[in-house]
Amino acid sequence: MPKYKVYVFCDECGIRHLMPVIIALDHGLDQNESTGDIHAGKKLPPEIAKLLNTFVRCPNTGKRYVQEGDDRVFLVPVEW
């Protein structure tokens, strides 16, 4: 089962930040994709769903923001 690191797009500094979660999917991905692209019309994995509409702290500015939209959450394959 392929595993992926989770990155979120930061509203504060405008770059992607690694989140402290790794998820496994039943299917593999060809490239880095947003969860909005991957799960369009489907239920999100619980690890992703709990990141949405919650506060995230930007490691660069220290400011908190609400992570909105699954199109701003990205999965990157874990390389072994």
PDB file of N, CA and C in Angstrom:
ATOM      1  N   MET A   1       0.854  -1.178   0.000  1.00  0.00           N
ATOM      2  CA  MET A   1       0.000   0.000   0.000  1.00  0.00           C
ATOM      3  C   MET A   1       0.900   1.241   0.000  1.00  0.00           C
ATOM      4  N   PRO A   2       0.788   2.103  -1.003  1.00  0.00           N
ATOM      5  CA  PRO A   2       1.630   3.296  -1.093  1.00  0.00           C
ATOM      6  C   PRO A   2       1.376   4.267   0.066  1.00  0.00           C
ATOM      7  N   LYS A   3       2.455   4.887   0.554  1.00  0.00           N
ATOM      8  CA  LYS A   3       2.355   5.851   1.657  1.00  0.00           C
ATOM      9  C   LYS A   3       2.784   7.228   1.166  1.00  0.00           C
ATOM     10  N   TYR A   4       2.172   8.251   1.787  1.00  0.00           N
ATOM     11  CA  TYR A   4       2.387   9.626   1.347  1.00  0.00           C
ATOM     12  C   TYR A   4       2.577  10.576   2.517  1.00  0.00           C
ATOM     13  N   LYS A   5       3.495  11.525   2.337  1.00  0.00           N
ATOM     14  CA  LYS A   5       3.638  12.644   3.256  1.00  0.00           C
ATOM     15  C   LYS A   5       2.547  13.644   2.908  1.00  0.00           C
ATOM     16  N   VAL A   6       2.112  14.409   3.894  1.00  0.00           N
ATOM     17  CA  VAL A   6       1.057  15.396   3.689  1.00  0.00           C
ATOM     18  C   VAL A   6       1.648  16.794   3.844  1.00  0.00           C
ATOM     19  N   TYR A   7       1.451  17.614   2.826  1.00  0.00           N
ATOM     20  CA  TYR A   7       1.863  19.015   2.855  1.00  0.00           C
ATOM     21  C   TYR A   7       0.616  19.887   2.723  1.00  0.00           C
ATOM     22  N   VAL A   8       0.650  21.050   3.380  1.00  0.00           N
ATOM     23  CA  VAL A   8      -0.450  21.999   3.234  1.00  0.00           C
ATOM     24  C   VAL A   8       0.111  23.316   2.718  1.00  0.00           C
ATOM     25  N   PHE A   9      -0.682  23.989   1.889  1.00  0.00           N
ATOM     26  CA  PHE A   9      -0.309  25.305   1.389  1.00  0.00           C
ATOM     27  C   PHE A   9      -0.587  26.312   2.492  1.00  0.00           C
ATOM     28  N   CYS A  10       0.397  27.130   2.827  1.00  0.00           N
ATOM     29  CA  CYS A  10       0.299  28.086   3.925  1.00  0.00           C
ATOM     30  C   CYS A  10      -0.241  29.425   3.446  1.00  0.00           C
ATOM     31  N   ASP A  11      -1.304  29.880   4.083  1.00  0.00           N
ATOM     32  CA  ASP A  11      -1.881  31.192   3.762  1.00  0.00           C
ATOM     33  C   ASP A  11      -1.016  32.338   4.276  1.00  0.00           C
ATOM     34  N   GLU A  12      -0.162  32.063   5.235  1.00  0.00           N
ATOM     35  CA  GLU A  12       0.657  33.114   5.834  1.00  0.00           C
ATOM     36  C   GLU A  12       1.913  33.431   5.020  1.00  0.00           C
ATOM     37  N   CYS A  13       2.650  32.400   4.579  1.00  0.00           N
ATOM     38  CA  CYS A  13       3.913  32.663   3.879  1.00  0.00           C
ATOM     39  C   CYS A  13       3.895  32.216   2.417  1.00  0.00           C
ATOM     40  N   GLY A  14       2.844  31.502   2.004  1.00  0.00           N
ATOM     41  CA  GLY A  14       2.692  31.152   0.603  1.00  0.00           C
ATOM     42  C   GLY A  14       3.482  29.950   0.113  1.00  0.00           C
ATOM     43  N   ILE A  15       3.996  29.127   1.027  1.00  0.00           N
ATOM     44  CA  ILE A  15       4.683  27.915   0.603  1.00  0.00           C
ATOM     45  C   ILE A  15       4.011  26.696   1.234  1.00  0.00           C
ATOM     46  N   ARG A  16       4.430  25.507   0.817  1.00  0.00           N
ATOM     47  CA  ARG A  16       3.879  24.264   1.373  1.00  0.00           C
ATOM     48  C   ARG A  16       4.690  23.838   2.593  1.00  0.00           C
ATOM     49  N   HIS A  17       3.985  23.377   3.627  1.00  0.00           N
ATOM     50  CA  HIS A  17       4.632  22.889   4.845  1.00  0.00           C
ATOM     51  C   HIS A  17       4.279  21.425   5.058  1.00  0.00           C
ATOM     52  N   LEU A  18       5.267  20.665   5.508  1.00  0.00           N
ATOM     53  CA  LEU A  18       5.068  19.263   5.835  1.00  0.00           C
ATOM     54  C   LEU A  18       4.279  19.149   7.133  1.00  0.00           C
ATOM     55  N   MET A  19       3.261  18.305   7.132  1.00  0.00           N
ATOM     56  CA  MET A  19       2.464  18.049   8.324  1.00  0.00           C
ATOM     57  C   MET A  19       2.970  16.765   8.981  1.00  0.00           C
ATOM     58  N   PRO A  20       2.759  16.621  10.286  1.00  0.00           N
ATOM     59  CA  PRO A  20       3.267  15.433  10.987  1.00  0.00           C
ATOM     60  C   PRO A  20       2.355  14.224  10.825  1.00  0.00           C
ATOM     61  N   VAL A  21       2.060  13.860   9.584  1.00  0.00           N
ATOM     62  CA  VAL A  21       1.191  12.715   9.326  1.00  0.00           C
ATOM     63  C   VAL A  21       1.619  12.040   8.024  1.00  0.00           C
ATOM     64  N   ILE A  22       1.537  10.730   7.995  1.00  0.00           N
ATOM     65  CA  ILE A  22       1.751   9.956   6.773  1.00  0.00           C
ATOM     66  C   ILE A  22       0.504   9.118   6.581  1.00  0.00           C
ATOM     67  N   ILE A  23      -0.015   9.109   5.346  1.00  0.00           N
ATOM     68  CA  ILE A  23      -1.215   8.320   5.088  1.00  0.00           C
ATOM     69  C   ILE A  23      -0.919   7.256   4.042  1.00  0.00           C
ATOM     70  N   ALA A  24      -1.714   6.221   4.076  1.00  0.00           N
ATOM     71  CA  ALA A  24      -1.607   5.141   3.094  1.00  0.00           C
ATOM     72  C   ALA A  24      -2.875   5.155   2.244  1.00  0.00           C
ATOM     73  N   LEU A  25      -2.703   4.954   0.943  1.00  0.00           N
ATOM     74  CA  LEU A  25      -3.835   4.898   0.029  1.00  0.00           C
ATOM     75  C   LEU A  25      -3.874   3.538  -0.653  1.00  0.00           C
ATOM     76  N   ASP A  26      -5.060   3.131  -1.037  1.00  0.00           N
ATOM     77  CA  ASP A  26      -5.221   1.855  -1.729  1.00  0.00           C
ATOM     78  C   ASP A  26      -4.614   1.880  -3.128  1.00  0.00           C
ATOM     79  N   HIS A  27      -4.505   3.070  -3.707  1.00  0.00           N
ATOM     80  CA  HIS A  27      -3.982   3.207  -5.067  1.00  0.00           C
ATOM     81  C   HIS A  27      -2.795   4.164  -5.059  1.00  0.00           C
ATOM     82  N   GLY A  28      -1.915   4.017  -6.020  1.00  0.00           N
ATOM     83  CA  GLY A  28      -0.764   4.889  -6.129  1.00  0.00           C
ATOM     84  C   GLY A  28      -1.072   6.121  -6.966  1.00  0.00           C
ATOM     85  N   LEU A  29      -0.222   7.120  -6.841  1.00  0.00           N
ATOM     86  CA  LEU A  29      -0.356   8.362  -7.603  1.00  0.00           C
ATOM     87  C   LEU A  29       0.809   8.480  -8.567  1.00  0.00           C
ATOM     88  N   ASP A  30       0.571   9.133  -9.695  1.00  0.00           N
ATOM     89  CA  ASP A  30       1.625   9.332 -10.676  1.00  0.00           C
ATOM     90  C   ASP A  30       2.494  10.542 -10.366  1.00  0.00           C
ATOM     91  N   GLN A  31       1.927  11.516  -9.670  1.00  0.00           N
ATOM     92  CA  GLN A  31       2.649  12.746  -9.385  1.00  0.00           C
ATOM     93  C   GLN A  31       2.101  13.353  -8.109  1.00  0.00           C
ATOM     94  N   ASN A  32       2.738  14.445  -7.643  1.00  0.00           N
ATOM     95  CA  ASN A  32       2.236  15.144  -6.468  1.00  0.00           C
ATOM     96  C   ASN A  32       0.902  15.779  -6.842  1.00  0.00           C
ATOM     97  N   GLU A  33      -0.142  15.433  -6.113  1.00  0.00           N
ATOM     98  CA  GLU A  33      -1.474  15.931  -6.434  1.00  0.00           C
ATOM     99  C   GLU A  33      -2.149  16.469  -5.182  1.00  0.00           C
ATOM    100  N   SER A  34      -3.070  17.404  -5.373  1.00  0.00           N
ATOM    101  CA  SER A  34      -3.843  17.869  -4.236  1.00  0.00           C
ATOM    102  C   SER A  34      -4.893  16.818  -3.905  1.00  0.00           C
ATOM    103  N   THR A  35      -5.298  16.800  -2.656  1.00  0.00           N
ATOM    104  CA  THR A  35      -6.322  15.833  -2.269  1.00  0.00           C
ATOM    105  C   THR A  35      -7.642  16.158  -2.939  1.00  0.00           C
ATOM    106  N   GLY A  36      -7.855  17.399  -3.318  1.00  0.00           N
ATOM    107  CA  GLY A  36      -9.058  17.767  -4.062  1.00  0.00           C
ATOM    108  C   GLY A  36      -9.104  17.081  -5.419  1.00  0.00           C
ATOM    109  N   ASP A  37      -7.946  16.963  -6.073  1.00  0.00           N
ATOM    110  CA  ASP A  37      -7.875  16.270  -7.365  1.00  0.00           C
ATOM    111  C   ASP A  37      -8.063  14.768  -7.201  1.00  0.00           C
ATOM    112  N   ILE A  38      -7.452  14.209  -6.192  1.00  0.00           N
ATOM    113  CA  ILE A  38      -7.465  12.768  -5.991  1.00  0.00           C
ATOM    114  C   ILE A  38      -8.837  12.262  -5.544  1.00  0.00           C
ATOM    115  N   HIS A  39      -9.474  12.999  -4.650  1.00  0.00           N
ATOM    116  CA  HIS A  39     -10.709  12.523  -4.030  1.00  0.00           C
ATOM    117  C   HIS A  39     -11.944  13.295  -4.484  1.00  0.00           C
ATOM    118  N   ALA A  40     -11.908  13.868  -5.653  1.00  0.00           N
ATOM    119  CA  ALA A  40     -13.064  14.630  -6.150  1.00  0.00           C
ATOM    120  C   ALA A  40     -14.315  13.757  -6.108  1.00  0.00           C
ATOM    121  N   GLY A  41     -15.295  14.210  -5.342  1.00  0.00           N
ATOM    122  CA  GLY A  41     -16.555  13.490  -5.255  1.00  0.00           C
ATOM    123  C   GLY A  41     -16.534  12.284  -4.337  1.00  0.00           C
ATOM    124  N   LYS A  42     -15.416  12.043  -3.652  1.00  0.00           N
ATOM    125  CA  LYS A  42     -15.296  10.905  -2.740  1.00  0.00           C
ATOM    126  C   LYS A  42     -15.033  11.402  -1.324  1.00  0.00           C
ATOM    127  N   LYS A  43     -15.237  10.536  -0.369  1.00  0.00           N
ATOM    128  CA  LYS A  43     -14.953  10.859   1.021  1.00  0.00           C
ATOM    129  C   LYS A  43     -13.439  10.906   1.232  1.00  0.00           C
ATOM    130  N   LEU A  44     -12.965  11.933   1.928  1.00  0.00           N
ATOM    131  CA  LEU A  44     -11.537  12.070   2.204  1.00  0.00           C
ATOM    132  C   LEU A  44     -11.105  11.087   3.282  1.00  0.00           C
ATOM    133  N   PRO A  45      -9.844  10.636   3.235  1.00  0.00           N
ATOM    134  CA  PRO A  45      -9.332   9.835   4.341  1.00  0.00           C
ATOM    135  C   PRO A  45      -9.418  10.643   5.640  1.00  0.00           C
ATOM    136  N   PRO A  46      -9.677  10.001   6.773  1.00  0.00           N
ATOM    137  CA  PRO A  46      -9.857  10.734   8.028  1.00  0.00           C
ATOM    138  C   PRO A  46      -8.655  11.598   8.409  1.00  0.00           C
ATOM    139  N   GLU A  47      -7.432  11.158   8.051  1.00  0.00           N
ATOM    140  CA  GLU A  47      -6.238  11.941   8.371  1.00  0.00           C
ATOM    141  C   GLU A  47      -6.239  13.288   7.654  1.00  0.00           C
ATOM    142  N   ILE A  48      -6.790  13.312   6.447  1.00  0.00           N
ATOM    143  CA  ILE A  48      -6.882  14.556   5.680  1.00  0.00           C
ATOM    144  C   ILE A  48      -8.069  15.379   6.151  1.00  0.00           C
ATOM    145  N   ALA A  49      -9.193  14.742   6.337  1.00  0.00           N
ATOM    146  CA  ALA A  49     -10.408  15.450   6.744  1.00  0.00           C
ATOM    147  C   ALA A  49     -10.198  16.215   8.045  1.00  0.00           C
ATOM    148  N   LYS A  50      -9.440  15.649   8.985  1.00  0.00           N
ATOM    149  CA  LYS A  50      -9.252  16.343  10.258  1.00  0.00           C
ATOM    150  C   LYS A  50      -8.318  17.546  10.130  1.00  0.00           C
ATOM    151  N   LEU A  51      -7.534  17.637   9.051  1.00  0.00           N
ATOM    152  CA  LEU A  51      -6.694  18.819   8.827  1.00  0.00           C
ATOM    153  C   LEU A  51      -7.501  20.010   8.316  1.00  0.00           C
ATOM    154  N   LEU A  52      -8.622  19.720   7.658  1.00  0.00           N
ATOM    155  CA  LEU A  52      -9.420  20.797   7.077  1.00  0.00           C
ATOM    156  C   LEU A  52     -10.205  21.517   8.154  1.00  0.00           C
ATOM    157  N   ASN A  53     -10.296  22.818   8.000  1.00  0.00           N
ATOM    158  CA  ASN A  53     -11.029  23.686   8.921  1.00  0.00           C
ATOM    159  C   ASN A  53     -10.490  23.624  10.337  1.00  0.00           C
ATOM    160  N   THR A  54      -9.206  23.333  10.482  1.00  0.00           N
ATOM    161  CA  THR A  54      -8.545  23.391  11.781  1.00  0.00           C
ATOM    162  C   THR A  54      -7.414  24.401  11.688  1.00  0.00           C
ATOM    163  N   PHE A  55      -6.971  24.876  12.841  1.00  0.00           N
ATOM    164  CA  PHE A  55      -5.878  25.836  12.866  1.00  0.00           C
ATOM    165  C   PHE A  55      -4.547  25.132  12.650  1.00  0.00           C
ATOM    166  N   VAL A  56      -3.718  25.748  11.808  1.00  0.00           N
ATOM    167  CA  VAL A  56      -2.370  25.278  11.520  1.00  0.00           C
ATOM    168  C   VAL A  56      -1.434  26.450  11.796  1.00  0.00           C
ATOM    169  N   ARG A  57      -0.273  26.162  12.369  1.00  0.00           N
ATOM    170  CA  ARG A  57       0.697  27.233  12.642  1.00  0.00           C
ATOM    171  C   ARG A  57       1.781  27.233  11.571  1.00  0.00           C
ATOM    172  N   CYS A  58       2.025  28.401  11.005  1.00  0.00           N
ATOM    173  CA  CYS A  58       3.086  28.554  10.016  1.00  0.00           C
ATOM    174  C   CYS A  58       4.430  28.510  10.736  1.00  0.00           C
ATOM    175  N   PRO A  59       5.335  27.596  10.344  1.00  0.00           N
ATOM    176  CA  PRO A  59       6.638  27.533  11.010  1.00  0.00           C
ATOM    177  C   PRO A  59       7.537  28.731  10.695  1.00  0.00           C
ATOM    178  N   ASN A  60       7.231  29.468   9.644  1.00  0.00           N
ATOM    179  CA  ASN A  60       8.053  30.628   9.274  1.00  0.00           C
ATOM    180  C   ASN A  60       7.638  31.905   9.996  1.00  0.00           C
ATOM    181  N   THR A  61       6.327  32.134  10.129  1.00  0.00           N
ATOM    182  CA  THR A  61       5.852  33.374  10.743  1.00  0.00           C
ATOM    183  C   THR A  61       5.354  33.171  12.173  1.00  0.00           C
ATOM    184  N   GLY A  62       5.022  31.928  12.521  1.00  0.00           N
ATOM    185  CA  GLY A  62       4.468  31.647  13.846  1.00  0.00           C
ATOM    186  C   GLY A  62       2.984  31.960  13.955  1.00  0.00           C
ATOM    187  N   LYS A  63       2.398  32.502  12.885  1.00  0.00           N
ATOM    188  CA  LYS A  63       0.977  32.844  12.907  1.00  0.00           C
ATOM    189  C   LYS A  63       0.131  31.608  12.609  1.00  0.00           C
ATOM    190  N   ARG A  64      -1.080  31.612  13.171  1.00  0.00           N
ATOM    191  CA  ARG A  64      -2.009  30.516  12.928  1.00  0.00           C
ATOM    192  C   ARG A  64      -3.013  30.926  11.861  1.00  0.00           C
ATOM    193  N   TYR A  65      -3.456  29.948  11.096  1.00  0.00           N
ATOM    194  CA  TYR A  65      -4.479  30.168  10.086  1.00  0.00           C
ATOM    195  C   TYR A  65      -5.326  28.916   9.988  1.00  0.00           C
ATOM    196  N   VAL A  66      -6.513  29.057   9.434  1.00  0.00           N
ATOM    197  CA  VAL A  66      -7.396  27.905   9.251  1.00  0.00           C
ATOM    198  C   VAL A  66      -7.106  27.283   7.896  1.00  0.00           C
ATOM    199  N   GLN A  67      -6.848  25.976   7.892  1.00  0.00           N
ATOM    200  CA  GLN A  67      -6.602  25.256   6.647  1.00  0.00           C
ATOM    201  C   GLN A  67      -7.948  24.970   5.995  1.00  0.00           C
ATOM    202  N   GLU A  68      -8.204  25.612   4.874  1.00  0.00           N
ATOM    203  CA  GLU A  68      -9.483  25.458   4.194  1.00  0.00           C
ATOM    204  C   GLU A  68      -9.269  24.857   2.812  1.00  0.00           C
ATOM    205  N   GLY A  69     -10.126  23.973   2.451  1.00  0.00           N
ATOM    206  CA  GLY A  69     -10.123  23.432   1.098  1.00  0.00           C
ATOM    207  C   GLY A  69      -9.151  22.293   0.890  1.00  0.00           C
ATOM    208  N   ASP A  70      -9.675  21.172   0.400  1.00  0.00           N
ATOM    209  CA  ASP A  70      -8.810  20.027   0.158  1.00  0.00           C
ATOM    210  C   ASP A  70      -7.923  20.214  -1.066  1.00  0.00           C
ATOM    211  N   ASP A  71      -8.141  21.281  -1.829  1.00  0.00           N
ATOM    212  CA  ASP A  71      -7.260  21.566  -2.965  1.00  0.00           C
ATOM    213  C   ASP A  71      -5.966  22.236  -2.515  1.00  0.00           C
ATOM    214  N   ARG A  72      -5.825  22.489  -1.199  1.00  0.00           N
ATOM    215  CA  ARG A  72      -4.626  23.109  -0.640  1.00  0.00           C
ATOM    216  C   ARG A  72      -3.842  22.123   0.223  1.00  0.00           C
ATOM    217  N   VAL A  73      -4.227  20.854   0.154  1.00  0.00           N
ATOM    218  CA  VAL A  73      -3.535  19.773   0.860  1.00  0.00           C
ATOM    219  C   VAL A  73      -2.958  18.850  -0.207  1.00  0.00           C
ATOM    220  N   PHE A  74      -1.656  18.563  -0.112  1.00  0.00           N
ATOM    221  CA  PHE A  74      -0.968  17.802  -1.152  1.00  0.00           C
ATOM    222  C   PHE A  74      -0.331  16.535  -0.595  1.00  0.00           C
ATOM    223  N   LEU A  75      -0.336  15.488  -1.404  1.00  0.00           N
ATOM    224  CA  LEU A  75       0.265  14.220  -1.043  1.00  0.00           C
ATOM    225  C   LEU A  75       1.525  14.005  -1.855  1.00  0.00           C
ATOM    226  N   VAL A  76       2.600  13.651  -1.180  1.00  0.00           N
ATOM    227  CA  VAL A  76       3.886  13.409  -1.837  1.00  0.00           C
ATOM    228  C   VAL A  76       4.345  12.002  -1.443  1.00  0.00           C
ATOM    229  N   PRO A  77       4.672  11.159  -2.421  1.00  0.00           N
ATOM    230  CA  PRO A  77       5.080   9.780  -2.098  1.00  0.00           C
ATOM    231  C   PRO A  77       6.250   9.736  -1.128  1.00  0.00           C
ATOM    232  N   VAL A  78       6.177   8.813  -0.172  1.00  0.00           N
ATOM    233  CA  VAL A  78       7.283   8.564   0.750  1.00  0.00           C
ATOM    234  C   VAL A  78       8.270   7.679   0.009  1.00  0.00           C
ATOM    235  N   GLU A  79       9.516   8.119  -0.028  1.00  0.00           N
ATOM    236  CA  GLU A  79      10.546   7.337  -0.706  1.00  0.00           C
ATOM    237  C   GLU A  79      11.281   6.522   0.338  1.00  0.00           C
ATOM    238  N   TRP A  80      11.428   5.238   0.066  1.00  0.00           N
ATOM    239  CA  TRP A  80      12.102   4.338   1.010  1.00  0.00           C
ATOM    240  C   TRP A  80      13.506   4.057   0.556  1.00  0.00           C
TER     241      TRP A  80
END
